[in-house]
């Protein structure tokens, strides 16, 4: 847009280099040697699928684990869309899928046929499981709607 309105490429580049993004938006973090993609700021079906695709295609030799929470504000299509995300996850070369929270998140894992899945009632339980099974070099996607608070999984994981 800046270019269209006559702003020089140098000024555009300078402004973009100083931009501050909200945390939890495809933010890479390494904790105890495990690589996390913290995309916990928000989610909808298309962004969940994009996040899963990113997880599956990033370079690395470790295992790939998706840790997903509910997607809010879907109304009458909530169950179908959560299940669609689970089905998509199962179509990828992932090691495991963990879901956190209530029924909506559980719909994701129940639809991921053929993929090792586990559902947790809360963030702390999920983080405890991840501490037991993850090892250095593994790659983990954290994603869910703002109301799912998926960054709490990372907070609990870091506390160990």
Protein backbone atom coordinates (compact mmCIF):
# COMPACT_ATOMS: atom_id res chain seq x y z
CA UNK A 1 0.00 0.00 0.00
CA UNK A 2 2.83 2.35 0.84
CA UNK A 3 4.35 1.95 -2.59
CA UNK A 4 0.99 2.63 -4.21
CA UNK A 5 0.78 5.89 -2.28
CA UNK A 6 4.25 7.03 -3.28
CA UNK A 7 6.31 5.95 -0.27
CA UNK A 8 9.82 4.94 -1.26
CA UNK A 9 10.88 1.28 -0.97
CA UNK A 10 13.63 2.32 1.49
CA UNK A 11 11.09 4.05 3.76
CA UNK A 12 8.76 1.05 3.55
CA UNK A 13 11.59 -1.34 4.46
CA UNK A 14 12.65 0.89 7.34
CA UNK A 15 9.13 1.06 8.73
CA UNK A 16 8.61 -2.70 8.43
CA UNK A 17 11.93 -3.45 10.15
CA UNK A 18 10.73 -1.47 13.18
CA UNK A 19 7.24 -3.01 13.33
CA UNK A 20 6.35 -4.80 16.56
CA UNK A 21 4.04 -7.79 16.18
CA UNK A 22 1.70 -9.10 18.83
CA UNK A 23 3.16 -12.14 20.59
CA UNK A 24 1.80 -15.58 19.83
CA UNK A 25 1.70 -15.13 16.07
CA UNK A 26 3.90 -17.83 14.51
CA UNK A 27 6.56 -16.97 17.07
CA UNK A 28 9.48 -19.43 17.23
CA UNK A 29 10.67 -20.36 20.73
CA UNK A 30 13.10 -22.97 21.99
CA UNK A 31 12.52 -24.40 25.46
CA UNK A 32 14.62 -27.26 26.85
CA UNK A 33 15.85 -27.92 23.29
CA UNK A 34 12.30 -28.34 21.94
CA UNK A 35 11.31 -26.00 19.11
CA UNK A 36 7.89 -24.44 19.57
CA UNK A 37 5.85 -22.49 17.05
CA UNK A 38 3.73 -20.31 19.30
CA UNK A 39 0.72 -19.40 17.19
CA UNK A 40 -1.57 -19.16 20.21
CA UNK A 41 -2.90 -15.67 19.60
CA UNK A 42 -5.98 -16.76 17.69
CA UNK A 43 -7.39 -19.42 15.37
CA UNK A 44 -10.03 -20.20 12.81
CA UNK A 45 -10.34 -23.31 10.62
CA UNK A 46 -8.23 -21.93 7.78
CA UNK A 47 -5.45 -20.66 10.08
CA UNK A 48 -5.42 -23.99 11.94
CA UNK A 49 -4.95 -25.83 8.65
CA UNK A 50 -2.22 -23.38 7.61
CA UNK A 51 -0.46 -23.86 10.94
CA UNK A 52 -0.61 -27.64 10.62
CA UNK A 53 0.75 -27.43 7.08
CA UNK A 54 3.61 -25.26 8.35
CA UNK A 55 4.38 -27.74 11.12
CA UNK A 56 4.47 -30.60 8.62
CA UNK A 57 6.76 -28.83 6.16
CA UNK A 58 9.33 -27.06 8.34
CA UNK A 59 12.83 -28.44 8.16
CA UNK A 60 14.03 -30.51 11.05
CA UNK A 61 14.76 -34.08 12.08
CA UNK A 62 12.70 -34.20 15.27
CA UNK A 63 9.18 -35.40 15.77
CA UNK A 64 6.27 -33.09 14.92
CA UNK A 65 3.51 -32.59 17.46
CA UNK A 66 0.45 -30.37 17.14
CA UNK A 67 -1.05 -29.05 20.38
CA UNK A 68 -4.43 -27.54 19.58
CA UNK A 69 -7.24 -25.87 21.46
CA UNK A 70 -10.76 -24.86 20.55
CA UNK A 71 -11.75 -22.39 17.87
CA UNK A 72 -14.31 -19.94 19.12
CA UNK A 73 -17.20 -18.12 17.49
CA UNK A 74 -18.03 -20.82 14.93
CA UNK A 75 -21.66 -21.23 15.94
CA UNK A 76 -23.61 -23.96 14.17
CA UNK A 77 -20.58 -25.13 12.17
CA UNK A 78 -18.32 -25.59 15.22
CA UNK A 79 -18.38 -29.39 15.36
CA UNK A 80 -17.91 -29.85 11.61
CA UNK A 81 -15.02 -27.37 11.45
CA UNK A 82 -13.21 -28.81 14.46
CA UNK A 83 -13.52 -32.26 12.92
CA UNK A 84 -12.29 -30.94 9.56
CA UNK A 85 -9.13 -29.70 11.29
CA UNK A 86 -8.63 -33.12 12.90
CA UNK A 87 -9.10 -34.90 9.57
CA UNK A 88 -6.57 -32.58 7.96
CA UNK A 89 -4.06 -33.21 10.75
CA UNK A 90 -4.41 -36.96 10.16
CA UNK A 91 -3.57 -36.47 6.48
CA UNK A 92 -0.14 -35.03 7.35
CA UNK A 93 3.10 -36.68 8.42
CA UNK A 94 2.80 -35.71 12.09
CA UNK A 95 3.93 -37.77 15.06
CA UNK A 96 1.09 -36.85 17.39
CA UNK A 97 -1.79 -34.51 18.10
CA UNK A 98 -2.68 -33.26 21.57
CA UNK A 99 -5.83 -31.29 22.26
CA UNK A 100 -6.64 -29.25 25.34
CA UNK A 101 -9.93 -28.16 26.84
CA UNK A 102 -13.56 -29.05 26.36
CA UNK A 103 -15.68 -30.81 23.77
CA UNK A 104 -14.69 -28.58 20.87
CA UNK A 105 -11.00 -29.42 21.17
CA UNK A 106 -11.85 -33.08 21.68
CA UNK A 107 -13.72 -33.06 18.35
CA UNK A 108 -10.36 -32.32 16.69
CA UNK A 109 -8.63 -35.34 18.17
CA UNK A 110 -11.60 -37.65 17.65
CA UNK A 111 -11.58 -36.92 13.92
CA UNK A 112 -7.83 -37.46 13.47
CA UNK A 113 -8.16 -41.15 12.61
CA UNK A 114 -4.85 -42.98 12.30
CA UNK A 115 -2.86 -40.27 14.09
CA UNK A 116 -1.69 -40.79 17.67
CA UNK A 117 -3.94 -38.42 19.63
CA UNK A 118 -4.42 -37.51 23.25
CA UNK A 119 -6.91 -35.10 24.83
CA UNK A 120 -6.17 -33.24 28.07
CA UNK A 121 -8.60 -31.45 30.38
CA UNK A 122 -6.24 -28.53 30.98
CA UNK A 123 -2.97 -26.87 30.00
CA UNK A 124 -0.98 -28.16 32.97
CA UNK A 125 -1.84 -31.80 32.24
CA UNK A 126 -0.86 -31.38 28.60
CA UNK A 127 2.44 -29.69 29.53
CA UNK A 128 3.26 -32.48 31.99
CA UNK A 129 2.72 -35.06 29.25
CA UNK A 130 4.84 -33.08 26.80
CA UNK A 131 7.68 -32.86 29.36
CA UNK A 132 7.66 -36.66 29.57
CA UNK A 133 7.63 -37.41 25.84
CA UNK A 134 9.34 -34.55 24.00
CA UNK A 135 13.06 -34.49 23.40
CA UNK A 136 15.58 -32.08 21.98
CA UNK A 137 14.95 -31.28 18.32
CA UNK A 138 11.22 -32.00 18.37
CA UNK A 139 8.91 -29.40 16.83
CA UNK A 140 5.61 -28.40 18.43
CA UNK A 141 2.80 -26.18 17.13
CA UNK A 142 0.66 -24.41 19.75
CA UNK A 143 -2.58 -23.06 18.28
CA UNK A 144 -6.11 -22.23 19.36
CA UNK A 145 -8.50 -19.33 19.72
CA UNK A 146 -7.62 -16.58 22.14
CA UNK A 147 -10.16 -18.00 24.59
CA UNK A 148 -8.31 -21.36 24.59
CA UNK A 149 -5.20 -19.76 26.13
CA UNK A 150 -2.83 -22.19 24.46
CA UNK A 151 0.22 -20.16 25.50
CA UNK A 152 -0.39 -21.58 29.01
CA UNK A 153 0.86 -24.95 27.79
CA UNK A 154 4.21 -23.34 27.04
CA UNK A 155 4.22 -21.50 30.38
CA UNK A 156 3.71 -24.80 32.25
CA UNK A 157 6.28 -26.56 30.03
CA UNK A 158 8.88 -23.84 30.74
CA UNK A 159 8.32 -24.15 34.50
CA UNK A 160 9.83 -27.64 34.59
